[in-house]
Amino acid sequence: MRFHSARVLSAVLALLALVGCGSDRRPGPTPSADGGGLPTDGGSRTDGGPGPGPSGPVDPACVDGLYREAMPDPTAAIDDVAFTGDIPAFVDTVLARRYPFGLALVQGGRMNPGFGDCSVIFAGSPGSAADLYNSLSTITHECGHLWDGHESSGATNVYEVNADLTLSATSGDTTARGGDTFPRSLIRGDAYQPSRAPCAPGVYSGCDSYADVYLDGDPTNSTFEGGDQGFNMLFDEVVQYVNSLATDYAFADRRPSGYSTSARDGILTFLWYTTRYLHMARLDYPSAYTRIANDAVWRHAILTLWGRAWLYLGLTADDPSLGIEDDAIQALVMDPTLLDEIARLRALEGCT
C-alpha cells in the first residue's frame, strides 16, 4: 500500500489558515529588538540527553550541523496498550512511551481554543490500534500546527521545535497580510517546478503531489487559498513534516508489511520548497530576502530546522517503508544552486 500524506492534508487547508492567525501565546524566548526570539542553545534536552547529529548536506560547525535533540525510542514496549475506543487515552499512552515530544504536540494542540481534541479530529474513524498507529503522524503534524497557532499572535509566529526549544520570529507573512514576504504559491512558476510538475487529478506518482495542496491559488484574487500564505506558514510545514517523520520512525514496527508512507517525501518536498523560496526571494523580492535571510532570528530558525530535518532523514535513510519517491525528491533538493542558498545563510550566520 502506498500512502500519500498530501491527500489527507488537502482536507484541512481551512484549518491551517486559522492556525496561521493565532490570537493567544504563552511566553517564549526573550524577544530580540524586532520581536523574534533566538534560542540560547542547540536544542538538546536536559532530561534525556542529545541524540546523534544530523547527516547529509549540513555543516558540522554551523547551526544546522550542531543540532541535537533527544530521539524517539522505537523499541519501547507498547504491546500491552489496548485500544478500547478511547482515542486520546491510546494516543497519549503510546506517544508518551516512544515519542514524548509527540505527546507534547498533541497536548499543545488541545490548548487551541475553538477546536476539539486534535487527536480525535485527525484520527479518522479508527476501528483498531492498527488504524490509530497509521494516523499518528497525521495527528502529531496537525496538533503541532494547532499548538504553534495557539502560541502565535499578530505578526509573531511561534514554532515548537523540541521539548527544550521554542522559536519565534516576526513579519513572516505576505505583504498583503501584514508581513514582509510573498505568497508561497509563486514558487510554482519558477524554473525548478518543471523538474517535478504538479500532479494531474488522480495521479500521485512521478509528480509533485504536494503542489496542489500547498502552492495552489492566485494571490491576486480576493479568494483565500493555501498558497496565499507567506514564508511563515511554509516554514511551519517544515516544522510539522519533521514531526511526521519522527513519529513514523518511532512506530515503524507497527506498519503493516508492504505498507509505505510518504513521510520522507513530505519533508524533502518542503526542504525543496524552502530553498526555492530563498532563491526567488534573493533574486526577485529583496525585501522578503532581507526579512528571512538577513534577520538573525529567521536565519537561525531556518538553519535549525534544516539540521533537524537531516537528522531524521539520516536516521531513516535505510527504511524503504518511510518513503515512496523520496530518492527522486532528494535529488532535486541536492541541486547545487539550491543548496547554495543554505550556504549563503551559513555565511551570513558567520560560519566558516
Protein backbone atom coordinates (compact mmCIF):
# COMPACT_ATOMS: atom_id res chain seq x y z
CA MET A 1 0.00 0.00 0.00
CA ARG A 2 1.23 3.48 -0.85
CA PHE A 3 0.09 6.35 1.34
CA HIS A 4 0.48 9.98 0.29
CA SER A 5 0.09 12.38 3.20
CA ALA A 6 -0.74 15.28 0.86
CA ARG A 7 -4.06 13.62 0.05
CA VAL A 8 -5.03 13.60 3.72
CA LEU A 9 -3.86 17.15 4.38
CA SER A 10 -5.76 18.60 1.46
CA ALA A 11 -8.88 18.36 3.61
CA VAL A 12 -7.52 20.70 6.28
CA LEU A 13 -6.46 23.83 4.37
CA ALA A 14 -9.11 25.98 6.00
CA LEU A 15 -7.89 24.80 9.37
CA LEU A 16 -4.30 25.73 8.56
CA ALA A 17 -5.39 29.21 7.53
CA LEU A 18 -6.82 29.70 11.01
CA VAL A 19 -3.73 28.25 12.62
CA GLY A 20 -1.63 30.90 10.93
CA CYS A 21 -3.64 33.64 12.66
CA GLY A 22 -3.46 32.53 16.29
CA SER A 23 -4.51 35.05 18.91
CA ASP A 24 -3.08 33.57 22.10
CA ARG A 25 0.51 32.91 23.09
CA ARG A 26 2.36 31.86 26.23
CA PRO A 27 5.81 33.37 26.92
CA GLY A 28 8.51 32.22 24.52
CA PRO A 29 12.20 33.06 24.20
CA THR A 30 13.46 36.50 25.09
CA PRO A 31 12.47 38.76 22.18
CA SER A 32 15.06 40.47 20.05
CA ALA A 33 14.74 44.09 19.01
CA ASP A 34 12.32 43.22 16.21
CA GLY A 35 10.24 40.84 18.28
CA GLY A 36 11.77 37.49 17.37
CA GLY A 37 13.49 35.07 19.68
CA LEU A 38 16.84 33.29 19.35
CA PRO A 39 17.47 30.03 21.17
CA THR A 40 20.27 30.04 23.69
CA ASP A 41 21.50 26.53 22.90
CA GLY A 42 21.39 23.84 20.24
CA GLY A 43 18.08 22.47 21.41
CA SER A 44 19.28 19.38 23.26
CA ARG A 45 17.11 18.08 26.08
CA THR A 46 18.26 18.27 29.67
CA ASP A 47 16.48 15.11 30.84
CA GLY A 48 17.31 12.55 28.16
CA GLY A 49 20.49 13.86 26.61
CA PRO A 50 21.08 14.74 22.97
CA GLY A 51 20.78 12.17 20.23
CA PRO A 52 23.10 11.76 17.25
CA GLY A 53 23.96 14.64 14.98
CA PRO A 54 22.48 15.29 11.54
CA SER A 55 23.96 13.74 8.42
CA GLY A 56 23.65 14.89 4.83
CA PRO A 57 24.17 18.41 3.41
CA VAL A 58 24.85 20.07 6.77
CA ASP A 59 27.83 21.99 8.12
CA PRO A 60 29.06 20.24 11.29
CA ALA A 61 30.44 23.55 12.58
CA CYS A 62 27.29 25.61 11.99
CA VAL A 63 23.78 25.81 13.44
CA ASP A 64 22.40 23.05 11.22
CA GLY A 65 25.15 20.52 11.86
CA LEU A 66 25.24 21.23 15.60
CA TYR A 67 21.54 20.49 16.09
CA ARG A 68 20.72 17.83 18.70
CA GLU A 69 17.60 16.57 20.43
CA ALA A 70 16.55 13.54 22.45
CA MET A 71 15.39 10.95 19.97
CA PRO A 72 12.22 8.83 19.92
CA ASP A 73 12.58 5.31 21.25
CA PRO A 74 11.20 2.93 18.60
CA THR A 75 11.87 -0.07 20.86
CA ALA A 76 9.83 1.00 23.90
CA ALA A 77 7.25 -1.63 24.84
CA ILE A 78 3.69 -0.86 23.70
CA ASP A 79 2.26 -4.33 23.11
CA ASP A 80 0.30 -4.05 26.35
CA VAL A 81 -1.55 -0.90 25.20
CA ALA A 82 -5.02 -1.91 24.01
CA PHE A 83 -7.37 0.28 22.02
CA THR A 84 -10.79 0.24 23.67
CA GLY A 85 -12.33 3.08 21.66
CA ASP A 86 -10.78 5.85 23.77
CA ILE A 87 -8.66 7.63 21.15
CA PRO A 88 -6.99 10.22 23.41
CA ALA A 89 -6.00 7.63 26.03
CA PHE A 90 -4.41 5.35 23.43
CA VAL A 91 -2.63 8.16 21.60
CA ASP A 92 -1.26 9.69 24.79
CA THR A 93 -0.02 6.39 26.18
CA VAL A 94 1.89 5.19 23.12
CA LEU A 95 3.37 8.63 22.39
CA ALA A 96 4.50 9.00 26.00
CA ARG A 97 6.47 5.78 25.69
CA ARG A 98 8.01 6.22 22.26
CA TYR A 99 7.90 9.90 21.30
CA PRO A 100 7.35 12.18 24.31
CA PHE A 101 7.63 15.33 22.24
CA GLY A 102 4.86 13.95 20.03
CA LEU A 103 2.71 13.81 23.16
CA ALA A 104 3.65 17.42 23.89
CA LEU A 105 2.48 18.35 20.36
CA VAL A 106 -0.88 16.69 20.98
CA GLN A 107 -1.30 18.29 24.38
CA GLY A 108 -0.33 21.66 22.94
CA GLY A 109 -2.79 21.29 20.07
CA ARG A 110 -5.57 20.61 22.54
CA MET A 111 -4.99 24.06 24.05
CA ASN A 112 -6.05 25.81 20.85
CA PRO A 113 -9.43 27.38 21.53
CA GLY A 114 -12.21 26.81 19.05
CA PHE A 115 -11.19 23.25 18.19
CA GLY A 116 -11.98 19.92 19.73
CA ASP A 117 -9.43 17.31 20.70
CA CYS A 118 -6.97 17.26 17.81
CA SER A 119 -6.07 13.62 18.47
CA VAL A 120 -9.70 12.73 17.76
CA ILE A 121 -10.20 15.14 14.88
CA PHE A 122 -7.27 13.77 12.90
CA ALA A 123 -7.60 10.11 13.84
CA GLY A 124 -10.30 9.44 11.27
CA SER A 125 -12.63 6.67 12.37
CA PRO A 126 -10.28 4.07 13.83
CA GLY A 127 -11.62 0.62 14.49
CA SER A 128 -8.40 -0.81 15.85
CA ALA A 129 -4.99 0.01 17.27
CA ALA A 130 -3.53 -0.56 13.80
CA ASP A 131 -5.76 2.18 12.41
CA LEU A 132 -4.55 4.60 15.06
CA TYR A 133 -0.90 3.80 14.50
CA ASN A 134 -1.42 4.63 10.83
CA SER A 135 -2.85 8.02 11.84
CA LEU A 136 -0.30 9.00 14.48
CA SER A 137 1.96 11.02 12.18
CA THR A 138 -1.00 13.00 10.89
CA ILE A 139 -2.15 13.59 14.47
CA THR A 140 1.19 14.95 15.67
CA HIS A 141 1.59 17.02 12.49
CA GLU A 142 -1.80 18.70 12.73
CA CYS A 143 -1.76 19.08 16.52
CA GLY A 144 1.64 20.74 16.05
CA HIS A 145 0.07 23.27 13.71
CA LEU A 146 -2.63 23.99 16.26
CA TRP A 147 -0.11 24.41 19.07
CA ASP A 148 2.03 26.80 17.04
CA GLY A 149 -1.09 28.72 16.09
CA HIS A 150 -2.19 28.93 19.72
CA GLU A 151 1.21 30.33 20.70
CA SER A 152 1.41 32.83 17.84
CA SER A 153 -0.07 36.30 17.93
CA GLY A 154 -0.33 39.11 15.40
CA ALA A 155 2.86 39.42 13.38
CA THR A 156 4.74 36.96 15.60
CA ASN A 157 4.88 33.27 14.73
CA VAL A 158 5.93 30.75 17.36
CA TYR A 159 7.31 27.32 16.49
CA GLU A 160 7.71 24.49 18.99
CA VAL A 161 10.77 22.58 17.74
CA ASN A 162 11.54 20.16 20.56
CA ALA A 163 10.93 19.80 24.28
CA ASP A 164 13.51 22.48 25.09
CA LEU A 165 13.42 24.72 22.05
CA THR A 166 10.80 27.27 21.08
CA LEU A 167 11.50 29.66 18.22
CA SER A 168 9.61 32.86 17.44
CA ALA A 169 10.01 35.29 14.57
CA THR A 170 8.10 38.24 13.18
CA SER A 171 6.73 39.63 9.92
CA GLY A 172 6.99 36.34 8.02
CA ASP A 173 3.60 36.57 6.35
CA THR A 174 2.99 38.21 2.98
CA THR A 175 2.95 41.95 2.47
CA ALA A 176 -0.77 41.70 1.70
CA ARG A 177 -1.29 40.08 5.09
CA GLY A 178 0.85 42.47 7.12
CA GLY A 179 4.27 40.86 6.76
CA ASP A 180 7.35 41.23 4.60
CA THR A 181 7.29 38.14 2.38
CA PHE A 182 5.47 36.94 -0.74
CA PRO A 183 2.89 34.19 -1.37
CA ARG A 184 4.46 30.75 -1.37
CA SER A 185 2.42 29.79 -4.43
CA LEU A 186 4.66 31.99 -6.58
CA ILE A 187 7.47 29.42 -6.49
CA ARG A 188 5.21 27.17 -8.54
CA GLY A 189 6.16 29.37 -11.50
CA ASP A 190 9.92 29.16 -11.04
CA ALA A 191 12.44 27.29 -13.17
CA TYR A 192 12.57 24.33 -10.76
CA GLN A 193 8.92 23.23 -10.63
CA PRO A 194 9.01 21.60 -14.12
CA SER A 195 11.58 19.16 -12.73
CA ARG A 196 8.70 17.69 -10.74
CA ALA A 197 5.48 19.02 -12.21
CA PRO A 198 2.31 19.20 -10.12
CA CYS A 199 0.28 16.02 -10.34
CA ALA A 200 -2.71 15.87 -12.65
CA PRO A 201 -6.01 14.94 -10.95
CA GLY A 202 -5.96 11.35 -9.82
CA VAL A 203 -2.22 10.92 -10.40
CA TYR A 204 0.12 10.51 -7.42
CA SER A 205 3.40 9.21 -8.79
CA GLY A 206 6.19 10.77 -10.82
CA CYS A 207 4.92 14.26 -9.97
CA ASP A 208 4.63 16.78 -7.14
CA SER A 209 1.56 15.64 -5.19
CA TYR A 210 2.04 18.48 -2.67
CA ALA A 211 1.89 21.41 -5.09
CA ASP A 212 -1.89 21.50 -5.49
CA VAL A 213 -2.28 21.39 -1.71
CA TYR A 214 0.28 24.00 -0.67
CA LEU A 215 1.12 26.04 -3.78
CA ASP A 216 -2.43 26.49 -5.03
CA GLY A 217 -4.41 29.57 -5.87
CA ASP A 218 -3.95 33.02 -7.30
CA PRO A 219 -2.62 35.60 -4.82
CA THR A 220 -4.09 38.42 -6.89
CA ASN A 221 -7.71 37.40 -6.43
CA SER A 222 -9.95 38.01 -3.42
CA THR A 223 -10.36 34.34 -2.52
CA PHE A 224 -8.09 32.88 0.13
CA GLU A 225 -6.18 29.77 -0.89
CA GLY A 226 -3.44 27.96 0.98
CA GLY A 227 -0.80 29.17 -1.46
CA ASP A 228 -1.59 32.78 -0.49
CA GLN A 229 0.29 32.27 2.78
CA GLY A 230 3.81 33.56 3.15
CA PHE A 231 7.11 32.18 4.32
CA ASN A 232 5.92 31.89 7.92
CA MET A 233 3.48 29.10 7.08
CA LEU A 234 5.76 27.41 4.56
CA PHE A 235 8.23 27.22 7.44
CA ASP A 236 5.61 25.79 9.79
CA GLU A 237 5.12 22.95 7.31
CA VAL A 238 8.85 22.22 7.54
CA VAL A 239 8.48 22.06 11.32
CA GLN A 240 5.49 19.72 11.16
CA TYR A 241 6.77 17.43 8.40
CA VAL A 242 9.82 16.69 10.55
CA ASN A 243 7.39 15.79 13.34
CA SER A 244 5.57 13.49 10.93
CA LEU A 245 8.79 11.69 10.03
CA ALA A 246 9.86 11.44 13.67
CA THR A 247 6.51 9.87 14.56
CA ASP A 248 6.65 7.37 11.72
CA TYR A 249 10.21 6.47 12.74
CA ALA A 250 9.09 5.89 16.33
CA PHE A 251 6.33 3.48 15.26
CA ALA A 252 7.93 1.90 12.21
CA ASP A 253 7.40 -1.60 13.62
CA ARG A 254 3.62 -1.01 13.67
CA ARG A 255 3.46 -0.50 9.94
CA PRO A 256 1.82 -3.43 8.10
CA SER A 257 4.02 -5.50 5.83
CA GLY A 258 4.18 -3.98 2.36
CA TYR A 259 2.90 -0.60 3.54
CA SER A 260 4.85 2.52 2.52
CA THR A 261 4.25 6.07 3.68
CA SER A 262 5.34 9.39 2.20
CA ALA A 263 6.95 10.60 5.44
CA ARG A 264 10.34 11.24 3.82
CA ASP A 265 8.72 12.59 0.65
CA GLY A 266 6.92 15.27 2.64
CA ILE A 267 9.86 16.80 4.45
CA LEU A 268 12.11 16.56 1.39
CA THR A 269 9.47 18.37 -0.67
CA PHE A 270 9.39 21.18 1.86
CA LEU A 271 13.16 21.44 2.00
CA TRP A 272 12.99 21.80 -1.78
CA TYR A 273 10.29 24.46 -1.46
CA THR A 274 12.31 26.31 1.18
CA THR A 275 15.47 26.61 -0.91
CA ARG A 276 13.42 27.58 -3.97
CA TYR A 277 11.65 30.25 -1.92
CA LEU A 278 15.01 31.60 -0.70
CA HIS A 279 16.32 31.60 -4.27
CA MET A 280 13.31 33.52 -5.57
CA ALA A 281 13.41 35.94 -2.65
CA ARG A 282 17.08 36.73 -3.16
CA LEU A 283 16.69 37.34 -6.90
CA ASP A 284 13.22 38.88 -7.16
CA TYR A 285 11.96 40.02 -3.73
CA PRO A 286 14.83 41.74 -1.90
CA SER A 287 12.69 42.99 0.98
CA ALA A 288 11.50 39.44 1.62
CA TYR A 289 15.07 38.18 1.50
CA THR A 290 16.12 40.87 3.95
CA ARG A 291 13.42 39.65 6.33
CA ILE A 292 14.16 35.92 6.19
CA ALA A 293 17.90 35.81 5.46
CA ASN A 294 19.36 38.98 6.93
CA ASP A 295 17.11 38.77 10.00
CA ALA A 296 19.18 36.79 12.54
CA VAL A 297 16.08 35.20 14.06
CA TRP A 298 14.64 33.81 10.83
CA ARG A 299 18.06 32.78 9.56
CA HIS A 300 18.84 30.86 12.74
CA ALA A 301 15.41 29.22 12.63
CA ILE A 302 15.87 28.05 9.03
CA LEU A 303 19.28 26.57 9.75
CA THR A 304 17.96 24.91 12.90
CA LEU A 305 15.15 23.15 11.04
CA TRP A 306 17.48 22.29 8.16
CA GLY A 307 19.59 20.43 10.69
CA ARG A 308 16.61 18.79 12.39
CA ALA A 309 15.25 17.61 9.04
CA TRP A 310 18.55 15.99 8.05
CA LEU A 311 18.83 14.43 11.49
CA TYR A 312 15.70 12.38 10.82
CA LEU A 313 16.39 11.91 7.13
CA GLY A 314 19.74 10.38 8.02
CA LEU A 315 18.18 8.23 10.72
CA THR A 316 15.57 6.82 8.33
CA ALA A 317 17.65 6.56 5.16
CA ASP A 318 17.70 2.77 5.22
CA ASP A 319 13.96 2.23 5.82
CA PRO A 320 12.23 1.98 2.43
CA SER A 321 8.80 1.92 4.08
CA LEU A 322 9.18 5.57 5.10
CA GLY A 323 9.36 6.91 1.56
CA ILE A 324 7.67 6.43 -1.78
CA GLU A 325 9.53 8.68 -4.22
CA ASP A 326 11.93 10.18 -1.72
CA ASP A 327 15.04 9.36 -3.75
CA ALA A 328 13.75 11.39 -6.69
CA ILE A 329 12.80 14.33 -4.47
CA GLN A 330 16.10 14.22 -2.59
CA ALA A 331 17.94 14.51 -5.89
CA LEU A 332 16.08 17.79 -6.50
CA VAL A 333 16.96 19.05 -3.02
CA MET A 334 20.62 18.36 -3.74
CA ASP A 335 20.72 20.77 -6.70
CA PRO A 336 23.94 22.76 -6.12
CA THR A 337 22.31 26.11 -6.85
CA LEU A 338 19.59 25.46 -4.29
CA LEU A 339 21.99 24.11 -1.67
CA ASP A 340 23.95 27.31 -2.17
CA GLU A 341 21.01 29.19 -0.66
CA ILE A 342 21.62 27.37 2.62
CA ALA A 343 25.36 28.03 2.32
CA ARG A 344 24.58 31.73 1.96
CA LEU A 345 22.63 31.63 5.23
CA ARG A 346 25.58 29.96 6.94
CA ALA A 347 27.87 32.71 5.65
CA LEU A 348 25.52 35.37 6.99
CA GLU A 349 25.45 33.47 10.28
CA GLY A 350 29.24 33.77 10.43
CA CYS A 351 30.01 30.08 9.94
CA THR A 352 33.26 29.28 8.19
